[in-house]
């Protein structure tokens, strides 16, 4: 595990409850989760990459009848997810080292997680996500809007440091397309003085 990835793991371990409480609502995720359900014709299998404590994505989708597998680098987050969403399957792992069967998911969700991974490895991860999707499967992902790599001390008001690394939205769009995905939409999600890009991308049918 790289020093930066371990920084992310330790940060979320330390501030898991400050980042999201057990009873947090869906907030800005509400329309995205509703949109996902409308795009999937059946109650299929979903991979939540960077699932955190399982709130709100895994909780919402398992309640709606989906089979959800959550993956996160933080052991504290995974422990909470197993408690909060007992019908989901949760694995502590570095997404960059994750091995999953080909064409095993109807959708992959990766919200506010890719931006915590080494930038040079992100295109390869997008390619692997594409391989995990079944034909016509959907990827819902947030990326950087502008390029930036750096840290923030006393993140969320705690005594820990967090690390991010991301490029700009145009580059992410090209990476999605090069991986073989069809970008259906791209929007700006504001946060503070900047924000993120939200992409819906689909794997072509056979």
N, C-alpha and C. Protein backbone atom coordinates (compact mmCIF):
# COMPACT_ATOMS: atom_id res chain seq x y z
N UNK A 1 0.84 -1.19 0.00
CA UNK A 1 0.00 0.00 0.00
C UNK A 1 0.88 1.25 0.00
N UNK A 2 0.58 2.19 -0.89
CA UNK A 2 1.39 3.40 -0.96
C UNK A 2 1.15 4.29 0.25
N UNK A 3 2.08 5.19 0.49
CA UNK A 3 1.96 6.12 1.62
C UNK A 3 0.69 6.96 1.50
N UNK A 4 0.36 7.38 0.28
CA UNK A 4 -0.84 8.21 0.08
C UNK A 4 -2.12 7.43 0.35
N UNK A 5 -2.18 6.19 -0.13
CA UNK A 5 -3.36 5.36 0.10
C UNK A 5 -3.53 5.09 1.59
N UNK A 6 -2.43 4.85 2.27
CA UNK A 6 -2.51 4.61 3.71
C UNK A 6 -2.97 5.86 4.44
N UNK A 7 -2.61 7.02 3.94
CA UNK A 7 -3.07 8.28 4.52
C UNK A 7 -4.59 8.38 4.41
N UNK A 8 -5.12 7.99 3.26
CA UNK A 8 -6.57 7.99 3.06
C UNK A 8 -7.23 7.00 4.01
N UNK A 9 -6.68 5.81 4.10
CA UNK A 9 -7.25 4.78 4.99
C UNK A 9 -7.29 5.26 6.43
N UNK A 10 -6.17 5.80 6.89
CA UNK A 10 -6.10 6.25 8.28
C UNK A 10 -7.03 7.44 8.53
N UNK A 11 -7.17 8.30 7.51
CA UNK A 11 -8.06 9.45 7.65
C UNK A 11 -9.51 9.04 7.83
N UNK A 12 -9.97 8.11 7.00
CA UNK A 12 -11.35 7.65 7.12
C UNK A 12 -11.56 6.79 8.36
N UNK A 13 -10.54 6.05 8.77
CA UNK A 13 -10.65 5.32 10.03
C UNK A 13 -10.87 6.27 11.19
N UNK A 14 -10.12 7.36 11.20
CA UNK A 14 -10.19 8.29 12.32
C UNK A 14 -11.48 9.10 12.33
N UNK A 15 -11.99 9.44 11.13
CA UNK A 15 -13.12 10.37 11.06
C UNK A 15 -14.36 9.77 10.41
N UNK A 16 -14.47 8.46 10.48
CA UNK A 16 -15.61 7.78 9.86
C UNK A 16 -16.94 8.37 10.30
N UNK A 17 -17.13 8.52 11.59
CA UNK A 17 -18.42 9.01 12.10
C UNK A 17 -18.62 10.49 11.84
N UNK A 18 -17.53 11.23 11.77
CA UNK A 18 -17.65 12.65 11.46
C UNK A 18 -17.99 12.85 9.98
N UNK A 19 -17.50 11.95 9.15
CA UNK A 19 -17.79 12.04 7.71
C UNK A 19 -19.25 11.72 7.44
N UNK A 20 -19.79 10.66 8.08
CA UNK A 20 -21.20 10.32 7.89
C UNK A 20 -21.71 9.53 9.08
N UNK A 21 -22.79 10.00 9.67
CA UNK A 21 -23.37 9.35 10.84
C UNK A 21 -24.18 8.12 10.45
N UNK A 22 -24.49 7.30 11.44
CA UNK A 22 -25.28 6.09 11.19
C UNK A 22 -26.64 6.40 10.60
N UNK A 23 -27.23 7.52 11.00
CA UNK A 23 -28.59 7.84 10.57
C UNK A 23 -28.64 8.93 9.50
N UNK A 24 -27.54 9.12 8.78
CA UNK A 24 -27.50 10.15 7.73
C UNK A 24 -28.52 9.83 6.64
N UNK A 25 -29.14 10.89 6.09
CA UNK A 25 -30.08 10.67 4.99
C UNK A 25 -29.32 10.62 3.66
N UNK A 26 -30.06 10.46 2.58
CA UNK A 26 -29.42 10.30 1.27
C UNK A 26 -28.90 11.61 0.70
N UNK A 27 -29.42 12.73 1.15
CA UNK A 27 -28.92 14.03 0.71
C UNK A 27 -28.83 14.16 -0.80
N UNK A 28 -27.69 14.61 -1.29
CA UNK A 28 -27.51 14.83 -2.73
C UNK A 28 -27.54 13.54 -3.53
N UNK A 29 -27.39 12.39 -2.84
CA UNK A 29 -27.41 11.10 -3.53
C UNK A 29 -28.81 10.71 -3.99
N UNK A 30 -29.86 11.31 -3.41
CA UNK A 30 -31.24 10.90 -3.67
C UNK A 30 -31.57 10.81 -5.16
N UNK A 31 -31.38 11.86 -5.96
CA UNK A 31 -31.73 11.76 -7.38
C UNK A 31 -30.85 10.78 -8.14
N UNK A 32 -29.60 10.62 -7.72
CA UNK A 32 -28.70 9.69 -8.41
C UNK A 32 -29.15 8.26 -8.19
N UNK A 33 -29.55 7.94 -6.97
CA UNK A 33 -30.00 6.57 -6.68
C UNK A 33 -31.32 6.26 -7.37
N UNK A 34 -32.21 7.23 -7.42
CA UNK A 34 -33.47 7.04 -8.13
C UNK A 34 -33.22 6.86 -9.63
N UNK A 35 -32.29 7.64 -10.14
CA UNK A 35 -31.95 7.54 -11.57
C UNK A 35 -31.36 6.18 -11.88
N UNK A 36 -30.50 5.67 -10.98
CA UNK A 36 -29.91 4.36 -11.20
C UNK A 36 -30.99 3.28 -11.29
N UNK A 37 -31.94 3.33 -10.37
CA UNK A 37 -33.00 2.32 -10.37
C UNK A 37 -33.84 2.40 -11.64
N UNK A 38 -34.02 3.61 -12.15
CA UNK A 38 -34.80 3.74 -13.39
C UNK A 38 -34.04 3.23 -14.60
N UNK A 39 -32.70 3.23 -14.52
CA UNK A 39 -31.88 2.78 -15.65
C UNK A 39 -31.71 1.26 -15.67
N UNK A 40 -31.85 0.61 -14.51
CA UNK A 40 -31.69 -0.83 -14.44
C UNK A 40 -33.05 -1.50 -14.59
N UNK A 41 -33.16 -2.39 -15.54
CA UNK A 41 -34.45 -3.02 -15.82
C UNK A 41 -34.83 -4.07 -14.79
N UNK A 42 -33.86 -4.62 -14.10
CA UNK A 42 -34.13 -5.64 -13.09
C UNK A 42 -33.38 -5.32 -11.82
N UNK A 43 -33.77 -5.96 -10.74
CA UNK A 43 -33.08 -5.80 -9.46
C UNK A 43 -31.81 -6.64 -9.49
N UNK A 44 -30.76 -6.11 -10.10
CA UNK A 44 -29.55 -6.86 -10.33
C UNK A 44 -28.50 -6.63 -9.27
N UNK A 45 -27.25 -6.84 -9.66
CA UNK A 45 -26.11 -6.73 -8.75
C UNK A 45 -25.37 -5.42 -8.99
N UNK A 46 -24.97 -4.78 -7.90
CA UNK A 46 -24.31 -3.48 -7.95
C UNK A 46 -23.04 -3.52 -7.12
N UNK A 47 -21.96 -2.98 -7.67
CA UNK A 47 -20.70 -2.82 -6.95
C UNK A 47 -20.60 -1.37 -6.50
N UNK A 48 -20.46 -1.18 -5.18
CA UNK A 48 -20.27 0.16 -4.61
C UNK A 48 -18.81 0.30 -4.24
N UNK A 49 -18.05 0.93 -5.12
CA UNK A 49 -16.60 1.03 -4.99
C UNK A 49 -16.26 2.30 -4.21
N UNK A 50 -15.73 2.10 -3.00
CA UNK A 50 -15.56 3.22 -2.08
C UNK A 50 -16.85 3.40 -1.31
N UNK A 51 -17.34 2.31 -0.75
CA UNK A 51 -18.68 2.28 -0.17
C UNK A 51 -18.80 3.00 1.16
N UNK A 52 -17.67 3.32 1.80
CA UNK A 52 -17.74 3.94 3.10
C UNK A 52 -18.46 3.05 4.11
N UNK A 53 -19.31 3.66 4.93
CA UNK A 53 -20.02 2.92 5.96
C UNK A 53 -21.31 2.28 5.44
N UNK A 54 -21.51 2.30 4.12
CA UNK A 54 -22.70 1.71 3.54
C UNK A 54 -23.90 2.63 3.46
N UNK A 55 -23.73 3.84 4.00
CA UNK A 55 -24.78 4.86 3.99
C UNK A 55 -24.36 5.98 3.05
N UNK A 56 -25.19 6.34 2.08
CA UNK A 56 -26.55 5.86 1.84
C UNK A 56 -26.70 4.83 0.72
N UNK A 57 -25.66 4.60 -0.08
CA UNK A 57 -25.83 3.84 -1.32
C UNK A 57 -26.26 2.40 -1.04
N UNK A 58 -25.44 1.65 -0.30
CA UNK A 58 -25.75 0.24 -0.07
C UNK A 58 -27.06 0.08 0.68
N UNK A 59 -27.30 0.93 1.67
CA UNK A 59 -28.54 0.85 2.43
C UNK A 59 -29.75 1.04 1.52
N UNK A 60 -29.70 2.04 0.68
CA UNK A 60 -30.82 2.34 -0.21
C UNK A 60 -31.06 1.24 -1.22
N UNK A 61 -29.99 0.75 -1.84
CA UNK A 61 -30.14 -0.23 -2.91
C UNK A 61 -30.52 -1.61 -2.39
N UNK A 62 -29.97 -2.03 -1.25
CA UNK A 62 -30.37 -3.32 -0.70
C UNK A 62 -31.84 -3.28 -0.28
N UNK A 63 -32.28 -2.15 0.25
CA UNK A 63 -33.68 -2.01 0.64
C UNK A 63 -34.60 -2.11 -0.57
N UNK A 64 -34.08 -1.71 -1.74
CA UNK A 64 -34.87 -1.77 -2.97
C UNK A 64 -34.76 -3.13 -3.67
N UNK A 65 -34.00 -4.05 -3.09
CA UNK A 65 -33.93 -5.40 -3.64
C UNK A 65 -32.71 -5.71 -4.46
N UNK A 66 -31.74 -4.81 -4.51
CA UNK A 66 -30.52 -5.07 -5.26
C UNK A 66 -29.52 -5.87 -4.42
N UNK A 67 -28.69 -6.63 -5.11
CA UNK A 67 -27.59 -7.35 -4.47
C UNK A 67 -26.37 -6.44 -4.53
N UNK A 68 -25.91 -5.97 -3.38
CA UNK A 68 -24.86 -4.96 -3.33
C UNK A 68 -23.59 -5.53 -2.71
N UNK A 69 -22.47 -5.30 -3.41
CA UNK A 69 -21.15 -5.60 -2.89
C UNK A 69 -20.43 -4.28 -2.69
N UNK A 70 -19.99 -4.02 -1.48
CA UNK A 70 -19.28 -2.78 -1.18
C UNK A 70 -17.81 -3.03 -0.90
N UNK A 71 -16.97 -2.15 -1.40
CA UNK A 71 -15.52 -2.26 -1.20
C UNK A 71 -15.00 -0.93 -0.70
N UNK A 72 -14.16 -0.97 0.32
CA UNK A 72 -13.57 0.26 0.85
C UNK A 72 -12.20 -0.04 1.45
N UNK A 73 -11.33 0.95 1.43
CA UNK A 73 -9.97 0.80 1.95
C UNK A 73 -9.94 0.85 3.48
N UNK A 74 -10.97 1.47 4.08
CA UNK A 74 -10.99 1.69 5.52
C UNK A 74 -11.63 0.53 6.26
N UNK A 75 -10.91 -0.06 7.20
CA UNK A 75 -11.48 -1.16 7.98
C UNK A 75 -12.60 -0.69 8.90
N UNK A 76 -12.50 0.54 9.41
CA UNK A 76 -13.57 1.07 10.25
C UNK A 76 -14.84 1.24 9.43
N UNK A 77 -14.72 1.79 8.24
CA UNK A 77 -15.89 1.97 7.39
C UNK A 77 -16.54 0.63 7.05
N UNK A 78 -15.74 -0.37 6.75
CA UNK A 78 -16.28 -1.69 6.41
C UNK A 78 -16.96 -2.33 7.61
N UNK A 79 -16.38 -2.20 8.79
CA UNK A 79 -17.01 -2.73 10.00
C UNK A 79 -18.38 -2.09 10.22
N UNK A 80 -18.46 -0.78 10.02
CA UNK A 80 -19.74 -0.10 10.17
C UNK A 80 -20.73 -0.54 9.10
N UNK A 81 -20.26 -0.68 7.85
CA UNK A 81 -21.15 -1.09 6.76
C UNK A 81 -21.76 -2.46 7.04
N UNK A 82 -20.97 -3.39 7.56
CA UNK A 82 -21.49 -4.72 7.86
C UNK A 82 -22.56 -4.67 8.95
N UNK A 83 -22.41 -3.72 9.85
CA UNK A 83 -23.40 -3.57 10.92
C UNK A 83 -24.65 -2.84 10.44
N UNK A 84 -24.44 -1.78 9.65
CA UNK A 84 -25.56 -0.94 9.23
C UNK A 84 -26.36 -1.52 8.07
N UNK A 85 -25.70 -2.32 7.23
CA UNK A 85 -26.37 -2.91 6.06
C UNK A 85 -26.09 -4.41 6.06
N UNK A 86 -26.73 -5.15 6.96
CA UNK A 86 -26.40 -6.57 7.12
C UNK A 86 -26.73 -7.43 5.90
N UNK A 87 -27.56 -6.94 5.00
CA UNK A 87 -27.90 -7.73 3.80
C UNK A 87 -26.92 -7.49 2.66
N UNK A 88 -25.97 -6.58 2.83
CA UNK A 88 -24.96 -6.35 1.80
C UNK A 88 -23.72 -7.22 2.05
N UNK A 89 -22.84 -7.25 1.06
CA UNK A 89 -21.56 -7.94 1.18
C UNK A 89 -20.46 -6.89 1.13
N UNK A 90 -19.59 -6.87 2.14
CA UNK A 90 -18.60 -5.80 2.23
C UNK A 90 -17.19 -6.37 2.38
N UNK A 91 -16.27 -5.77 1.62
CA UNK A 91 -14.90 -6.25 1.56
C UNK A 91 -13.95 -5.08 1.78
N UNK A 92 -13.00 -5.24 2.71
CA UNK A 92 -11.96 -4.23 2.86
C UNK A 92 -10.86 -4.53 1.86
N UNK A 93 -10.58 -3.60 0.95
CA UNK A 93 -9.55 -3.82 -0.06
C UNK A 93 -9.17 -2.50 -0.71
N UNK A 94 -7.98 -2.48 -1.25
CA UNK A 94 -7.52 -1.39 -2.10
C UNK A 94 -8.12 -1.62 -3.49
N UNK A 95 -8.91 -0.70 -3.97
CA UNK A 95 -9.58 -0.89 -5.26
C UNK A 95 -8.59 -1.17 -6.38
N UNK A 96 -7.40 -0.63 -6.28
CA UNK A 96 -6.40 -0.82 -7.32
C UNK A 96 -5.91 -2.27 -7.40
N UNK A 97 -6.07 -3.02 -6.30
CA UNK A 97 -5.61 -4.40 -6.27
C UNK A 97 -6.78 -5.38 -6.31
N UNK A 98 -7.98 -4.88 -6.52
CA UNK A 98 -9.18 -5.70 -6.45
C UNK A 98 -9.29 -6.61 -7.68
N UNK A 99 -9.61 -7.87 -7.43
CA UNK A 99 -9.83 -8.84 -8.50
C UNK A 99 -11.27 -9.32 -8.44
N UNK A 100 -12.03 -9.09 -9.50
CA UNK A 100 -13.43 -9.48 -9.55
C UNK A 100 -13.72 -10.18 -10.87
N UNK A 101 -14.74 -11.04 -10.91
CA UNK A 101 -15.05 -11.76 -12.15
C UNK A 101 -15.49 -10.82 -13.26
N UNK A 102 -15.16 -11.21 -14.46
CA UNK A 102 -15.56 -10.46 -15.65
C UNK A 102 -17.08 -10.45 -15.78
N UNK A 103 -17.65 -9.31 -16.15
CA UNK A 103 -19.08 -9.16 -16.43
C UNK A 103 -19.95 -9.67 -15.28
N UNK A 104 -19.66 -9.21 -14.07
CA UNK A 104 -20.37 -9.71 -12.90
C UNK A 104 -21.33 -8.71 -12.26
N UNK A 105 -21.39 -7.46 -12.79
CA UNK A 105 -22.25 -6.45 -12.18
C UNK A 105 -23.09 -5.73 -13.23
N UNK A 106 -24.31 -5.41 -12.84
CA UNK A 106 -25.19 -4.62 -13.70
C UNK A 106 -24.89 -3.13 -13.60
N UNK A 107 -24.27 -2.73 -12.49
CA UNK A 107 -23.89 -1.33 -12.32
C UNK A 107 -22.73 -1.24 -11.35
N UNK A 108 -21.90 -0.23 -11.54
CA UNK A 108 -20.83 0.10 -10.61
C UNK A 108 -21.00 1.55 -10.21
N UNK A 109 -20.96 1.79 -8.91
CA UNK A 109 -21.04 3.15 -8.37
C UNK A 109 -19.71 3.47 -7.72
N UNK A 110 -19.16 4.64 -8.03
CA UNK A 110 -17.88 5.06 -7.44
C UNK A 110 -17.97 6.56 -7.16
N UNK A 111 -18.49 6.89 -5.99
CA UNK A 111 -18.76 8.29 -5.64
C UNK A 111 -17.72 8.80 -4.63
N UNK A 112 -17.02 9.86 -5.02
CA UNK A 112 -16.03 10.52 -4.18
C UNK A 112 -14.94 9.56 -3.68
N UNK A 113 -14.60 8.59 -4.51
CA UNK A 113 -13.59 7.60 -4.14
C UNK A 113 -12.40 7.60 -5.10
N UNK A 114 -12.67 7.67 -6.41
CA UNK A 114 -11.58 7.65 -7.39
C UNK A 114 -10.58 8.76 -7.12
N UNK A 115 -11.05 9.90 -6.64
CA UNK A 115 -10.19 11.06 -6.40
C UNK A 115 -9.24 10.87 -5.23
N UNK A 116 -9.37 9.75 -4.50
CA UNK A 116 -8.44 9.42 -3.42
C UNK A 116 -7.43 8.37 -3.86
N UNK A 117 -7.38 8.08 -5.15
CA UNK A 117 -6.50 7.02 -5.64
C UNK A 117 -5.39 7.63 -6.51
N UNK A 118 -4.24 6.96 -6.59
CA UNK A 118 -3.12 7.50 -7.37
C UNK A 118 -3.53 7.79 -8.81
N UNK A 119 -3.28 9.00 -9.26
CA UNK A 119 -3.76 9.46 -10.56
C UNK A 119 -3.27 8.59 -11.71
N UNK A 120 -2.02 8.15 -11.65
CA UNK A 120 -1.46 7.38 -12.75
C UNK A 120 -2.11 6.00 -12.88
N UNK A 121 -2.78 5.54 -11.83
CA UNK A 121 -3.43 4.23 -11.87
C UNK A 121 -4.92 4.32 -12.20
N UNK A 122 -5.47 5.52 -12.20
CA UNK A 122 -6.91 5.67 -12.40
C UNK A 122 -7.40 5.21 -13.78
N UNK A 123 -6.71 5.49 -14.87
CA UNK A 123 -7.20 4.98 -16.16
C UNK A 123 -7.30 3.46 -16.20
N UNK A 124 -6.34 2.79 -15.60
CA UNK A 124 -6.38 1.32 -15.57
C UNK A 124 -7.55 0.83 -14.73
N UNK A 125 -7.85 1.50 -13.62
CA UNK A 125 -8.99 1.10 -12.81
C UNK A 125 -10.29 1.27 -13.59
N UNK A 126 -10.41 2.34 -14.34
CA UNK A 126 -11.62 2.54 -15.15
C UNK A 126 -11.75 1.41 -16.17
N UNK A 127 -10.66 0.98 -16.75
CA UNK A 127 -10.70 -0.15 -17.68
C UNK A 127 -11.17 -1.43 -16.98
N UNK A 128 -10.70 -1.65 -15.76
CA UNK A 128 -11.10 -2.84 -15.02
C UNK A 128 -12.56 -2.77 -14.61
N UNK A 129 -13.03 -1.57 -14.22
CA UNK A 129 -14.45 -1.40 -13.93
C UNK A 129 -15.28 -1.77 -15.14
N UNK A 130 -14.85 -1.34 -16.31
CA UNK A 130 -15.56 -1.67 -17.54
C UNK A 130 -15.64 -3.18 -17.73
N UNK A 131 -14.57 -3.88 -17.41
CA UNK A 131 -14.57 -5.34 -17.55
C UNK A 131 -15.51 -6.01 -16.55
N UNK A 132 -15.72 -5.38 -15.39
CA UNK A 132 -16.60 -5.96 -14.38
C UNK A 132 -18.08 -5.77 -14.72
N UNK A 133 -18.35 -4.81 -15.60
CA UNK A 133 -19.74 -4.54 -15.99
C UNK A 133 -20.24 -5.55 -17.01
N UNK A 134 -21.49 -5.91 -16.89
CA UNK A 134 -22.14 -6.71 -17.91
C UNK A 134 -22.49 -5.81 -19.09
N UNK A 135 -22.71 -6.37 -20.26
CA UNK A 135 -23.15 -5.56 -21.40
C UNK A 135 -24.40 -4.75 -21.03
N UNK A 136 -24.41 -3.49 -21.41
CA UNK A 136 -25.47 -2.52 -21.10
C UNK A 136 -25.44 -2.08 -19.64
N UNK A 137 -24.40 -2.47 -18.89
CA UNK A 137 -24.29 -2.06 -17.49
C UNK A 137 -23.89 -0.60 -17.37
N UNK A 138 -24.24 -0.01 -16.22
CA UNK A 138 -24.02 1.41 -15.99
C UNK A 138 -22.90 1.68 -14.98
N UNK A 139 -22.14 2.74 -15.23
CA UNK A 139 -21.19 3.28 -14.27
C UNK A 139 -21.65 4.67 -13.87
N UNK A 140 -21.80 4.88 -12.57
CA UNK A 140 -22.07 6.20 -12.01
C UNK A 140 -20.83 6.58 -11.21
N UNK A 141 -20.18 7.67 -11.59
CA UNK A 141 -18.89 8.00 -10.99
C UNK A 141 -18.72 9.50 -10.84
N UNK A 142 -18.13 9.91 -9.72
CA UNK A 142 -17.71 11.30 -9.56
C UNK A 142 -16.20 11.37 -9.73
N UNK A 143 -15.75 12.41 -10.38
CA UNK A 143 -14.33 12.63 -10.64
C UNK A 143 -13.99 14.08 -10.28
N UNK A 144 -12.75 14.44 -10.50
CA UNK A 144 -12.39 15.84 -10.34
C UNK A 144 -12.98 16.66 -11.47
N UNK A 145 -13.21 17.93 -11.20
CA UNK A 145 -13.62 18.88 -12.24
C UNK A 145 -12.40 19.62 -12.77
N UNK A 146 -11.49 19.94 -11.87
CA UNK A 146 -10.21 20.57 -12.23
C UNK A 146 -9.08 19.70 -11.70
N UNK A 147 -7.92 19.80 -12.33
CA UNK A 147 -6.77 18.98 -11.92
C UNK A 147 -6.17 19.51 -10.61
N UNK A 148 -5.93 18.60 -9.69
CA UNK A 148 -5.29 18.98 -8.42
C UNK A 148 -4.84 17.73 -7.67
N UNK A 149 -3.67 17.80 -7.08
CA UNK A 149 -3.18 16.77 -6.17
C UNK A 149 -2.64 17.46 -4.94
N UNK A 150 -3.07 17.01 -3.76
CA UNK A 150 -2.59 17.64 -2.54
C UNK A 150 -3.24 17.09 -1.30
N UNK A 151 -2.92 17.70 -0.18
CA UNK A 151 -3.43 17.25 1.11
C UNK A 151 -4.12 18.40 1.84
N UNK A 152 -4.92 18.03 2.83
CA UNK A 152 -5.54 19.01 3.72
C UNK A 152 -5.34 18.53 5.15
N UNK A 153 -4.66 19.35 5.95
CA UNK A 153 -4.47 19.03 7.36
C UNK A 153 -5.75 19.34 8.13
N UNK A 154 -5.91 18.68 9.26
CA UNK A 154 -7.09 18.89 10.12
C UNK A 154 -8.38 18.76 9.32
N UNK A 155 -8.42 17.73 8.49
CA UNK A 155 -9.58 17.48 7.62
C UNK A 155 -10.84 17.29 8.47
N UNK A 156 -11.92 17.91 8.05
CA UNK A 156 -13.22 17.86 8.73
C UNK A 156 -13.12 18.32 10.19
N UNK A 157 -12.12 19.12 10.47
CA UNK A 157 -11.95 19.63 11.82
C UNK A 157 -11.30 18.64 12.78
N UNK A 158 -10.82 17.53 12.26
CA UNK A 158 -10.16 16.53 13.09
C UNK A 158 -8.66 16.65 13.04
N UNK A 159 -8.00 15.79 13.80
CA UNK A 159 -6.54 15.84 13.87
C UNK A 159 -5.93 14.84 12.90
N UNK A 160 -6.34 14.94 11.64
CA UNK A 160 -5.82 14.02 10.63
C UNK A 160 -5.67 14.74 9.30
N UNK A 161 -4.90 14.14 8.41
CA UNK A 161 -4.64 14.72 7.09
C UNK A 161 -5.28 13.84 6.02
N UNK A 162 -5.88 14.47 5.01
CA UNK A 162 -6.48 13.73 3.90
C UNK A 162 -5.76 14.09 2.61
N UNK A 163 -5.79 13.15 1.66
CA UNK A 163 -5.05 13.29 0.39
C UNK A 163 -5.99 13.04 -0.78
N UNK A 164 -5.83 13.85 -1.83
CA UNK A 164 -6.60 13.70 -3.07
C UNK A 164 -5.67 13.79 -4.28
N UNK A 165 -6.11 13.18 -5.39
CA UNK A 165 -5.37 13.32 -6.64
C UNK A 165 -6.34 13.13 -7.80
N UNK A 166 -6.52 14.16 -8.58
CA UNK A 166 -7.45 14.06 -9.72
C UNK A 166 -7.04 15.01 -10.84
N UNK A 167 -7.49 14.64 -12.03
CA UNK A 167 -7.28 15.49 -13.20
C UNK A 167 -8.58 16.23 -13.51
N UNK A 168 -8.70 16.78 -14.71
CA UNK A 168 -9.89 17.57 -15.05
C UNK A 168 -10.95 16.70 -15.70
N UNK A 169 -12.17 17.24 -15.77
CA UNK A 169 -13.32 16.49 -16.27
C UNK A 169 -13.15 16.05 -17.72
N UNK A 170 -12.55 16.89 -18.53
CA UNK A 170 -12.35 16.53 -19.94
C UNK A 170 -11.48 15.30 -20.08
N UNK A 171 -10.43 15.22 -19.27
CA UNK A 171 -9.55 14.05 -19.31
C UNK A 171 -10.28 12.81 -18.82
N UNK A 172 -11.07 12.96 -17.76
CA UNK A 172 -11.82 11.80 -17.27
C UNK A 172 -12.80 11.30 -18.33
N UNK A 173 -13.43 12.22 -19.02
CA UNK A 173 -14.36 11.81 -20.08
C UNK A 173 -13.62 10.99 -21.15
N UNK A 174 -12.42 11.43 -21.51
CA UNK A 174 -11.65 10.69 -22.51
C UNK A 174 -11.24 9.32 -21.99
N UNK A 175 -10.91 9.22 -20.69
CA UNK A 175 -10.54 7.93 -20.12
C UNK A 175 -11.72 6.97 -20.14
N UNK A 176 -12.91 7.47 -19.82
CA UNK A 176 -14.10 6.62 -19.86
C UNK A 176 -14.34 6.09 -21.27
N UNK A 177 -14.19 6.97 -22.25
CA UNK A 177 -14.42 6.57 -23.64
C UNK A 177 -13.36 5.60 -24.12
N UNK A 178 -12.11 5.84 -23.74
CA UNK A 178 -11.03 4.94 -24.15
C UNK A 178 -11.19 3.55 -23.53
N UNK A 179 -11.84 3.49 -22.37
CA UNK A 179 -12.08 2.21 -21.72
C UNK A 179 -13.21 1.43 -22.38
N UNK A 180 -13.90 2.08 -23.32
CA UNK A 180 -14.97 1.42 -24.04
C UNK A 180 -16.36 1.74 -23.55
N UNK A 181 -16.49 2.79 -22.72
CA UNK A 181 -17.79 3.19 -22.20
C UNK A 181 -18.38 4.32 -23.04
N UNK A 182 -19.68 4.35 -23.13
CA UNK A 182 -20.39 5.43 -23.80
C UNK A 182 -20.87 6.42 -22.74
N UNK A 183 -20.38 7.65 -22.80
CA UNK A 183 -20.76 8.65 -21.81
C UNK A 183 -22.15 9.18 -22.15
N UNK A 184 -23.09 8.94 -21.24
CA UNK A 184 -24.47 9.36 -21.46
C UNK A 184 -24.71 10.78 -20.98
N UNK A 185 -24.03 11.17 -19.89
CA UNK A 185 -24.20 12.54 -19.38
C UNK A 185 -23.03 12.92 -18.50
N UNK A 186 -22.85 14.22 -18.38
CA UNK A 186 -21.80 14.79 -17.54
C UNK A 186 -22.35 16.06 -16.92
N UNK A 187 -22.21 16.20 -15.60
CA UNK A 187 -22.69 17.42 -14.95
C UNK A 187 -21.72 17.86 -13.88
N UNK A 188 -21.83 19.11 -13.51
CA UNK A 188 -20.99 19.69 -12.48
C UNK A 188 -21.71 19.62 -11.14
N UNK A 189 -21.02 19.10 -10.13
CA UNK A 189 -21.57 19.04 -8.77
C UNK A 189 -20.74 19.99 -7.91
N UNK A 190 -21.30 21.13 -7.54
CA UNK A 190 -20.51 22.12 -6.80
C UNK A 190 -20.16 21.67 -5.39
N UNK A 191 -18.99 22.08 -4.94
CA UNK A 191 -18.57 21.87 -3.56
C UNK A 191 -17.54 22.94 -3.21
N UNK A 192 -17.83 23.75 -2.23
CA UNK A 192 -16.91 24.81 -1.84
C UNK A 192 -16.65 25.76 -2.99
N UNK A 193 -15.37 26.04 -3.24
CA UNK A 193 -14.99 26.96 -4.30
C UNK A 193 -14.87 26.28 -5.67
N UNK A 194 -15.04 24.96 -5.71
CA UNK A 194 -14.95 24.24 -6.97
C UNK A 194 -16.04 23.18 -6.99
N UNK A 195 -15.69 21.93 -7.28
CA UNK A 195 -16.69 20.87 -7.33
C UNK A 195 -16.16 19.65 -8.03
N UNK A 196 -17.06 18.78 -8.42
CA UNK A 196 -16.73 17.51 -9.05
C UNK A 196 -17.53 17.34 -10.33
N UNK A 197 -17.08 16.41 -11.15
CA UNK A 197 -17.86 16.00 -12.31
C UNK A 197 -18.59 14.71 -11.98
N UNK A 198 -19.85 14.63 -12.38
CA UNK A 198 -20.64 13.42 -12.21
C UNK A 198 -20.91 12.85 -13.59
N UNK A 199 -20.48 11.61 -13.81
CA UNK A 199 -20.67 10.96 -15.12
C UNK A 199 -21.61 9.78 -14.99
N UNK A 200 -22.49 9.64 -15.99
CA UNK A 200 -23.20 8.40 -16.26
C UNK A 200 -22.60 7.84 -17.53
N UNK A 201 -22.09 6.61 -17.45
CA UNK A 201 -21.49 5.98 -18.63
C UNK A 201 -22.00 4.54 -18.73
N UNK A 202 -22.14 4.05 -19.95
CA UNK A 202 -22.72 2.73 -20.15
C UNK A 202 -21.81 1.87 -21.00
N UNK A 203 -21.73 0.59 -20.63
CA UNK A 203 -21.01 -0.37 -21.45
C UNK A 203 -21.90 -0.80 -22.59
N UNK A 204 -21.43 -0.78 -23.82
CA UNK A 204 -22.27 -1.17 -24.95
C UNK A 204 -22.78 -2.60 -24.82
N UNK A 205 -23.92 -2.87 -25.39
CA UNK A 205 -24.44 -4.23 -25.42
C UNK A 205 -23.64 -5.05 -26.41
N UNK A 206 -23.64 -6.34 -26.25
CA UNK A 206 -22.91 -7.21 -27.18
C UNK A 206 -23.54 -7.16 -28.57
